[in-house]
Amino acid sequence: MADGMGKPLDTLAVQLLQRGCRVEVYGGTLTVSLGVRGERVIACDGVRFRWGGERGHVVGLVGAESAAADRAVLVLRQTRRWS
């Protein structure tokens, strides 16, 4: 799953950093966490951000990175709470 030039993942990474997440963009994926537990991978196909890869649940749409970041943080908080 390639995201073309990588820009959507970079934009999402900035949004997640502003929300206190740890992020790392590597190739066509973004690794995000709120701490030691609950690290997740987000991929982008140029249209949608998805957890893990092309078959993962949709996190949000390219162009709506702020909403995707809000959803990602919500999921990470729930994961951290239940782990």
PDB file of N, CA and C in Angstrom:
ATOM      1  N   MET A   1       0.830  -1.169   0.000  1.00  0.00           N
ATOM      2  CA  MET A   1       0.000   0.000   0.000  1.00  0.00           C
ATOM      3  C   MET A   1       0.877   1.236   0.000  1.00  0.00           C
ATOM      4  N   ALA A   2       0.927   1.931  -1.065  1.00  0.00           N
ATOM      5  CA  ALA A   2       1.783   3.105  -1.132  1.00  0.00           C
ATOM      6  C   ALA A   2       0.939   4.358  -1.034  1.00  0.00           C
ATOM      7  N   ASP A   3       1.527   5.391  -0.494  1.00  0.00           N
ATOM      8  CA  ASP A   3       0.796   6.640  -0.364  1.00  0.00           C
ATOM      9  C   ASP A   3       1.369   7.705  -1.279  1.00  0.00           C
ATOM     10  N   GLY A   4       1.954   7.302  -2.370  1.00  0.00           N
ATOM     11  CA  GLY A   4       2.488   8.270  -3.309  1.00  0.00           C
ATOM     12  C   GLY A   4       3.721   8.943  -2.756  1.00  0.00           C
ATOM     13  N   MET A   5       3.638  10.216  -2.446  1.00  0.00           N
ATOM     14  CA  MET A   5       4.789  10.982  -1.995  1.00  0.00           C
ATOM     15  C   MET A   5       4.957  10.974  -0.481  1.00  0.00           C
ATOM     16  N   GLY A   6       4.070  10.341   0.244  1.00  0.00           N
ATOM     17  CA  GLY A   6       4.216  10.289   1.691  1.00  0.00           C
ATOM     18  C   GLY A   6       3.615  11.472   2.414  1.00  0.00           C
ATOM     19  N   LYS A   7       3.106  12.442   1.723  1.00  0.00           N
ATOM     20  CA  LYS A   7       2.599  13.662   2.349  1.00  0.00           C
ATOM     21  C   LYS A   7       1.416  13.439   3.282  1.00  0.00           C
ATOM     22  N   PRO A   8       0.416  12.626   2.920  1.00  0.00           N
ATOM     23  CA  PRO A   8      -0.704  12.434   3.851  1.00  0.00           C
ATOM     24  C   PRO A   8      -0.259  11.868   5.199  1.00  0.00           C
ATOM     25  N   LEU A   9       0.680  10.935   5.198  1.00  0.00           N
ATOM     26  CA  LEU A   9       1.160  10.376   6.463  1.00  0.00           C
ATOM     27  C   LEU A   9       1.929  11.420   7.265  1.00  0.00           C
ATOM     28  N   ASP A  10       2.697  12.268   6.581  1.00  0.00           N
ATOM     29  CA  ASP A  10       3.416  13.336   7.278  1.00  0.00           C
ATOM     30  C   ASP A  10       2.441  14.316   7.923  1.00  0.00           C
ATOM     31  N   THR A  11       1.389  14.652   7.200  1.00  0.00           N
ATOM     32  CA  THR A  11       0.374  15.564   7.734  1.00  0.00           C
ATOM     33  C   THR A  11      -0.326  14.946   8.938  1.00  0.00           C
ATOM     34  N   LEU A  12      -0.670  13.670   8.840  1.00  0.00           N
ATOM     35  CA  LEU A  12      -1.299  12.976   9.964  1.00  0.00           C
ATOM     36  C   LEU A  12      -0.338  12.903  11.147  1.00  0.00           C
ATOM     37  N   ALA A  13       0.943  12.675  10.881  1.00  0.00           N
ATOM     38  CA  ALA A  13       1.944  12.612  11.953  1.00  0.00           C
ATOM     39  C   ALA A  13       1.998  13.924  12.730  1.00  0.00           C
ATOM     40  N   VAL A  14       1.941  15.046  12.038  1.00  0.00           N
ATOM     41  CA  VAL A  14       1.946  16.354  12.704  1.00  0.00           C
ATOM     42  C   VAL A  14       0.719  16.491  13.597  1.00  0.00           C
ATOM     43  N   GLN A  15      -0.443  16.089  13.095  1.00  0.00           N
ATOM     44  CA  GLN A  15      -1.676  16.161  13.887  1.00  0.00           C
ATOM     45  C   GLN A  15      -1.569  15.295  15.141  1.00  0.00           C
ATOM     46  N   LEU A  16      -0.997  14.107  15.006  1.00  0.00           N
ATOM     47  CA  LEU A  16      -0.852  13.205  16.153  1.00  0.00           C
ATOM     48  C   LEU A  16       0.164  13.738  17.156  1.00  0.00           C
ATOM     49  N   LEU A  17       1.241  14.343  16.682  1.00  0.00           N
ATOM     50  CA  LEU A  17       2.225  14.963  17.583  1.00  0.00           C
ATOM     51  C   LEU A  17       1.580  16.062  18.417  1.00  0.00           C
ATOM     52  N   GLN A  18       0.718  16.843  17.794  1.00  0.00           N
ATOM     53  CA  GLN A  18       0.019  17.917  18.505  1.00  0.00           C
ATOM     54  C   GLN A  18      -0.904  17.380  19.589  1.00  0.00           C
ATOM     55  N   ARG A  19      -1.277  16.113  19.490  1.00  0.00           N
ATOM     56  CA  ARG A  19      -2.153  15.481  20.475  1.00  0.00           C
ATOM     57  C   ARG A  19      -1.371  14.646  21.490  1.00  0.00           C
ATOM     58  N   GLY A  20      -0.044  14.785  21.486  1.00  0.00           N
ATOM     59  CA  GLY A  20       0.780  14.122  22.485  1.00  0.00           C
ATOM     60  C   GLY A  20       1.216  12.713  22.158  1.00  0.00           C
ATOM     61  N   CYS A  21       1.083  12.305  20.919  1.00  0.00           N
ATOM     62  CA  CYS A  21       1.485  10.953  20.519  1.00  0.00           C
ATOM     63  C   CYS A  21       2.957  10.915  20.130  1.00  0.00           C
ATOM     64  N   ARG A  22       3.510   9.733  20.203  1.00  0.00           N
ATOM     65  CA  ARG A  22       4.837   9.468  19.644  1.00  0.00           C
ATOM     66  C   ARG A  22       4.609   8.909  18.254  1.00  0.00           C
ATOM     67  N   VAL A  23       5.300   9.451  17.274  1.00  0.00           N
ATOM     68  CA  VAL A  23       5.085   9.021  15.892  1.00  0.00           C
ATOM     69  C   VAL A  23       6.407   8.817  15.169  1.00  0.00           C
ATOM     70  N   GLU A  24       6.362   7.956  14.167  1.00  0.00           N
ATOM     71  CA  GLU A  24       7.503   7.751  13.276  1.00  0.00           C
ATOM     72  C   GLU A  24       6.970   7.343  11.913  1.00  0.00           C
ATOM     73  N   VAL A  25       7.311   8.118  10.896  1.00  0.00           N
ATOM     74  CA  VAL A  25       6.930   7.789   9.529  1.00  0.00           C
ATOM     75  C   VAL A  25       8.094   7.035   8.905  1.00  0.00           C
ATOM     76  N   TYR A  26       7.785   5.878   8.347  1.00  0.00           N
ATOM     77  CA  TYR A  26       8.812   5.065   7.708  1.00  0.00           C
ATOM     78  C   TYR A  26       8.224   4.467   6.442  1.00  0.00           C
ATOM     79  N   GLY A  27       8.701   4.938   5.319  1.00  0.00           N
ATOM     80  CA  GLY A  27       8.172   4.441   4.050  1.00  0.00           C
ATOM     81  C   GLY A  27       6.693   4.771   3.920  1.00  0.00           C
ATOM     82  N   GLY A  28       5.891   3.749   3.703  1.00  0.00           N
ATOM     83  CA  GLY A  28       4.457   3.938   3.530  1.00  0.00           C
ATOM     84  C   GLY A  28       3.643   3.703   4.775  1.00  0.00           C
ATOM     85  N   THR A  29       4.312   3.729   5.949  1.00  0.00           N
ATOM     86  CA  THR A  29       3.573   3.510   7.194  1.00  0.00           C
ATOM     87  C   THR A  29       3.935   4.556   8.242  1.00  0.00           C
ATOM     88  N   LEU A  30       3.051   4.688   9.193  1.00  0.00           N
ATOM     89  CA  LEU A  30       3.224   5.583  10.332  1.00  0.00           C
ATOM     90  C   LEU A  30       3.023   4.751  11.586  1.00  0.00           C
ATOM     91  N   THR A  31       4.003   4.771  12.476  1.00  0.00           N
ATOM     92  CA  THR A  31       3.868   4.087  13.753  1.00  0.00           C
ATOM     93  C   THR A  31       3.490   5.134  14.784  1.00  0.00           C
ATOM     94  N   VAL A  32       2.453   4.841  15.570  1.00  0.00           N
ATOM     95  CA  VAL A  32       1.952   5.812  16.539  1.00  0.00           C
ATOM     96  C   VAL A  32       1.682   5.126  17.867  1.00  0.00           C
ATOM     97  N   SER A  33       1.971   5.838  18.964  1.00  0.00           N
ATOM     98  CA  SER A  33       1.666   5.314  20.296  1.00  0.00           C
ATOM     99  C   SER A  33       1.463   6.473  21.259  1.00  0.00           C
ATOM    100  N   LEU A  34       0.833   6.151  22.381  1.00  0.00           N
ATOM    101  CA  LEU A  34       0.670   7.119  23.466  1.00  0.00           C
ATOM    102  C   LEU A  34       1.613   6.802  24.620  1.00  0.00           C
ATOM    103  N   GLY A  35       2.478   5.864  24.428  1.00  0.00           N
ATOM    104  CA  GLY A  35       3.402   5.452  25.471  1.00  0.00           C
ATOM    105  C   GLY A  35       3.982   4.100  25.126  1.00  0.00           C
ATOM    106  N   VAL A  36       4.334   3.355  26.147  1.00  0.00           N
ATOM    107  CA  VAL A  36       4.983   2.070  25.939  1.00  0.00           C
ATOM    108  C   VAL A  36       4.025   1.054  25.332  1.00  0.00           C
ATOM    109  N   ARG A  37       2.795   1.015  25.817  1.00  0.00           N
ATOM    110  CA  ARG A  37       1.810   0.049  25.309  1.00  0.00           C
ATOM    111  C   ARG A  37       0.994   0.643  24.173  1.00  0.00           C
ATOM    112  N   GLY A  38       0.445  -0.236  23.373  1.00  0.00           N
ATOM    113  CA  GLY A  38      -0.531   0.194  22.379  1.00  0.00           C
ATOM    114  C   GLY A  38       0.031   0.798  21.114  1.00  0.00           C
ATOM    115  N   GLU A  39       1.251   0.458  20.740  1.00  0.00           N
ATOM    116  CA  GLU A  39       1.798   0.969  19.492  1.00  0.00           C
ATOM    117  C   GLU A  39       1.031   0.372  18.320  1.00  0.00           C
ATOM    118  N   ARG A  40       0.658   1.223  17.384  1.00  0.00           N
ATOM    119  CA  ARG A  40      -0.111   0.775  16.222  1.00  0.00           C
ATOM    120  C   ARG A  40       0.514   1.322  14.952  1.00  0.00           C
ATOM    121  N   VAL A  41       0.220   0.668  13.847  1.00  0.00           N
ATOM    122  CA  VAL A  41       0.726   1.086  12.545  1.00  0.00           C
ATOM    123  C   VAL A  41      -0.447   1.579  11.708  1.00  0.00           C
ATOM    124  N   ILE A  42      -0.244   2.706  11.049  1.00  0.00           N
ATOM    125  CA  ILE A  42      -1.241   3.271  10.141  1.00  0.00           C
ATOM    126  C   ILE A  42      -0.618   3.318   8.750  1.00  0.00           C
ATOM    127  N   ALA A  43      -1.361   2.843   7.760  1.00  0.00           N
ATOM    128  CA  ALA A  43      -0.922   2.896   6.365  1.00  0.00           C
ATOM    129  C   ALA A  43      -1.881   3.797   5.589  1.00  0.00           C
ATOM    130  N   CYS A  44      -1.434   4.253   4.435  1.00  0.00           N
ATOM    131  CA  CYS A  44      -2.255   5.140   3.614  1.00  0.00           C
ATOM    132  C   CYS A  44      -2.180   4.700   2.157  1.00  0.00           C
ATOM    133  N   ASP A  45      -3.341   4.644   1.505  1.00  0.00           N
ATOM    134  CA  ASP A  45      -3.380   4.292   0.082  1.00  0.00           C
ATOM    135  C   ASP A  45      -3.579   5.517  -0.803  1.00  0.00           C
ATOM    136  N   GLY A  46      -3.469   6.697  -0.214  1.00  0.00           N
ATOM    137  CA  GLY A  46      -3.680   7.931  -0.955  1.00  0.00           C
ATOM    138  C   GLY A  46      -5.097   8.450  -0.846  1.00  0.00           C
ATOM    139  N   VAL A  47      -6.003   7.614  -0.352  1.00  0.00           N
ATOM    140  CA  VAL A  47      -7.409   7.990  -0.179  1.00  0.00           C
ATOM    141  C   VAL A  47      -7.826   7.849   1.280  1.00  0.00           C
ATOM    142  N   ARG A  48      -7.400   6.746   1.919  1.00  0.00           N
ATOM    143  CA  ARG A  48      -7.801   6.439   3.297  1.00  0.00           C
ATOM    144  C   ARG A  48      -6.584   6.086   4.145  1.00  0.00           C
ATOM    145  N   PHE A  49      -6.680   6.400   5.440  1.00  0.00           N
ATOM    146  CA  PHE A  49      -5.728   5.909   6.425  1.00  0.00           C
ATOM    147  C   PHE A  49      -6.348   4.663   7.043  1.00  0.00           C
ATOM    148  N   ARG A  50      -5.566   3.594   7.162  1.00  0.00           N
ATOM    149  CA  ARG A  50      -6.068   2.338   7.720  1.00  0.00           C
ATOM    150  C   ARG A  50      -5.106   1.810   8.766  1.00  0.00           C
ATOM    151  N   TRP A  51      -5.678   1.159   9.783  1.00  0.00           N
ATOM    152  CA  TRP A  51      -4.853   0.478  10.777  1.00  0.00           C
ATOM    153  C   TRP A  51      -4.170  -0.698  10.107  1.00  0.00           C
ATOM    154  N   GLY A  52      -2.877  -0.763  10.165  1.00  0.00           N
ATOM    155  CA  GLY A  52      -2.112  -1.932   9.755  1.00  0.00           C
ATOM    156  C   GLY A  52      -1.854  -2.108   8.282  1.00  0.00           C
ATOM    157  N   GLY A  53      -2.802  -1.885   7.422  1.00  0.00           N
ATOM    158  CA  GLY A  53      -2.600  -2.117   6.000  1.00  0.00           C
ATOM    159  C   GLY A  53      -3.890  -1.999   5.221  1.00  0.00           C
ATOM    160  N   GLU A  54      -3.863  -2.519   3.996  1.00  0.00           N
ATOM    161  CA  GLU A  54      -4.991  -2.317   3.087  1.00  0.00           C
ATOM    162  C   GLU A  54      -6.285  -2.977   3.537  1.00  0.00           C
ATOM    163  N   ARG A  55      -6.219  -3.942   4.438  1.00  0.00           N
ATOM    164  CA  ARG A  55      -7.439  -4.598   4.924  1.00  0.00           C
ATOM    165  C   ARG A  55      -7.829  -4.146   6.325  1.00  0.00           C
ATOM    166  N   GLY A  56      -7.079  -3.239   6.886  1.00  0.00           N
ATOM    167  CA  GLY A  56      -7.365  -2.768   8.237  1.00  0.00           C
ATOM    168  C   GLY A  56      -8.559  -1.829   8.276  1.00  0.00           C
ATOM    169  N   HIS A  57      -9.056  -1.591   9.464  1.00  0.00           N
ATOM    170  CA  HIS A  57     -10.174  -0.665   9.644  1.00  0.00           C
ATOM    171  C   HIS A  57      -9.752   0.748   9.257  1.00  0.00           C
ATOM    172  N   VAL A  58     -10.672   1.487   8.688  1.00  0.00           N
ATOM    173  CA  VAL A  58     -10.393   2.851   8.252  1.00  0.00           C
ATOM    174  C   VAL A  58     -10.291   3.761   9.473  1.00  0.00           C
ATOM    175  N   VAL A  59      -9.199   4.519   9.520  1.00  0.00           N
ATOM    176  CA  VAL A  59      -8.995   5.516  10.572  1.00  0.00           C
ATOM    177  C   VAL A  59      -9.609   6.837  10.129  1.00  0.00           C
ATOM    178  N   GLY A  60      -9.476   7.157   8.862  1.00  0.00           N
ATOM    179  CA  GLY A  60     -10.010   8.406   8.338  1.00  0.00           C
ATOM    180  C   GLY A  60      -9.607   8.588   6.885  1.00  0.00           C
ATOM    181  N   LEU A  61      -9.999   9.710   6.330  1.00  0.00           N
ATOM    182  CA  LEU A  61      -9.745  10.006   4.925  1.00  0.00           C
ATOM    183  C   LEU A  61      -8.615  11.010   4.765  1.00  0.00           C
ATOM    184  N   VAL A  62      -7.879  10.876   3.670  1.00  0.00           N
ATOM    185  CA  VAL A  62      -6.872  11.872   3.324  1.00  0.00           C
ATOM    186  C   VAL A  62      -7.607  13.183   3.075  1.00  0.00           C
ATOM    187  N   GLY A  63      -7.091  14.257   3.610  1.00  0.00           N
ATOM    188  CA  GLY A  63      -7.748  15.553   3.529  1.00  0.00           C
ATOM    189  C   GLY A  63      -8.503  15.888   4.799  1.00  0.00           C
ATOM    190  N   ALA A  64      -8.737  14.881   5.620  1.00  0.00           N
ATOM    191  CA  ALA A  64      -9.406  15.068   6.913  1.00  0.00           C
ATOM    192  C   ALA A  64      -8.502  14.511   8.015  1.00  0.00           C
ATOM    193  N   GLU A  65      -7.220  14.925   7.975  1.00  0.00           N
ATOM    194  CA  GLU A  65      -6.233  14.384   8.901  1.00  0.00           C
ATOM    195  C   GLU A  65      -6.556  14.693  10.358  1.00  0.00           C
ATOM    196  N   SER A  66      -7.142  15.849  10.625  1.00  0.00           N
ATOM    197  CA  SER A  66      -7.489  16.203  12.001  1.00  0.00           C
ATOM    198  C   SER A  66      -8.495  15.213  12.582  1.00  0.00           C
ATOM    199  N   ALA A  67      -9.510  14.880  11.819  1.00  0.00           N
ATOM    200  CA  ALA A  67     -10.507  13.904  12.277  1.00  0.00           C
ATOM    201  C   ALA A  67      -9.886  12.519  12.422  1.00  0.00           C
ATOM    202  N   ALA A  68      -8.997  12.152  11.496  1.00  0.00           N
ATOM    203  CA  ALA A  68      -8.317  10.856  11.587  1.00  0.00           C
ATOM    204  C   ALA A  68      -7.445  10.800  12.833  1.00  0.00           C
ATOM    205  N   ALA A  69      -6.768  11.900  13.152  1.00  0.00           N
ATOM    206  CA  ALA A  69      -5.929  11.948  14.353  1.00  0.00           C
ATOM    207  C   ALA A  69      -6.780  11.818  15.611  1.00  0.00           C
ATOM    208  N   ASP A  70      -7.926  12.492  15.640  1.00  0.00           N
ATOM    209  CA  ASP A  70      -8.826  12.371  16.798  1.00  0.00           C
ATOM    210  C   ASP A  70      -9.262  10.926  16.990  1.00  0.00           C
ATOM    211  N   ARG A  71      -9.622  10.264  15.912  1.00  0.00           N
ATOM    212  CA  ARG A  71     -10.059   8.868  16.010  1.00  0.00           C
ATOM    213  C   ARG A  71      -8.912   7.966  16.455  1.00  0.00           C
ATOM    214  N   ALA A  72      -7.724   8.184  15.910  1.00  0.00           N
ATOM    215  CA  ALA A  72      -6.565   7.369  16.284  1.00  0.00           C
ATOM    216  C   ALA A  72      -6.249   7.515  17.771  1.00  0.00           C
ATOM    217  N   VAL A  73      -6.286   8.739  18.279  1.00  0.00           N
ATOM    218  CA  VAL A  73      -6.012   8.966  19.706  1.00  0.00           C
ATOM    219  C   VAL A  73      -7.068   8.286  20.562  1.00  0.00           C
ATOM    220  N   LEU A  74      -8.321   8.356  20.164  1.00  0.00           N
ATOM    221  CA  LEU A  74      -9.390   7.688  20.905  1.00  0.00           C
ATOM    222  C   LEU A  74      -9.135   6.186  20.986  1.00  0.00           C
ATOM    223  N   VAL A  75      -8.790   5.567  19.868  1.00  0.00           N
ATOM    224  CA  VAL A  75      -8.510   4.126  19.848  1.00  0.00           C
ATOM    225  C   VAL A  75      -7.293   3.802  20.705  1.00  0.00           C
ATOM    226  N   LEU A  76      -6.243   4.611  20.606  1.00  0.00           N
ATOM    227  CA  LEU A  76      -5.039   4.367  21.409  1.00  0.00           C
ATOM    228  C   LEU A  76      -5.331   4.473  22.903  1.00  0.00           C
ATOM    229  N   ARG A  77      -6.134   5.438  23.289  1.00  0.00           N
ATOM    230  CA  ARG A  77      -6.499   5.574  24.713  1.00  0.00           C
ATOM    231  C   ARG A  77      -7.293   4.369  25.192  1.00  0.00           C
ATOM    232  N   GLN A  78      -8.206   3.886  24.368  1.00  0.00           N
ATOM    233  CA  GLN A  78      -8.985   2.703  24.743  1.00  0.00           C
ATOM    234  C   GLN A  78      -8.096   1.480  24.833  1.00  0.00           C
ATOM    235  N   THR A  79      -7.161   1.346  23.902  1.00  0.00           N
ATOM    236  CA  THR A  79      -6.227   0.217  23.917  1.00  0.00           C
ATOM    237  C   THR A  79      -5.377   0.251  25.173  1.00  0.00           C
ATOM    238  N   ARG A  80      -4.882   1.422  25.525  1.00  0.00           N
ATOM    239  CA  ARG A  80      -4.035   1.575  26.709  1.00  0.00           C
ATOM    240  C   ARG A  80      -4.820   1.267  27.977  1.00  0.00           C
ATOM    241  N   ARG A  81      -6.062   1.689  28.017  1.00  0.00           N
ATOM    242  CA  ARG A  81      -6.898   1.479  29.197  1.00  0.00           C
ATOM    243  C   ARG A  81      -7.176   0.000  29.439  1.00  0.00           C
ATOM    244  N   TRP A  82      -7.369  -0.766  28.363  1.00  0.00           N
ATOM    245  CA  TRP A  82      -7.755  -2.167  28.501  1.00  0.00           C
ATOM    246  C   TRP A  82      -6.591  -3.137  28.435  1.00  0.00           C
ATOM    247  N   SER A  83      -5.378  -2.639  28.265  1.00  0.00           N
ATOM    248  CA  SER A  83      -4.236  -3.563  28.193  1.00  0.00           C
ATOM    249  C   SER A  83      -3.521  -3.681  29.520  1.00  0.00           C
TER     250      SER A  83
END
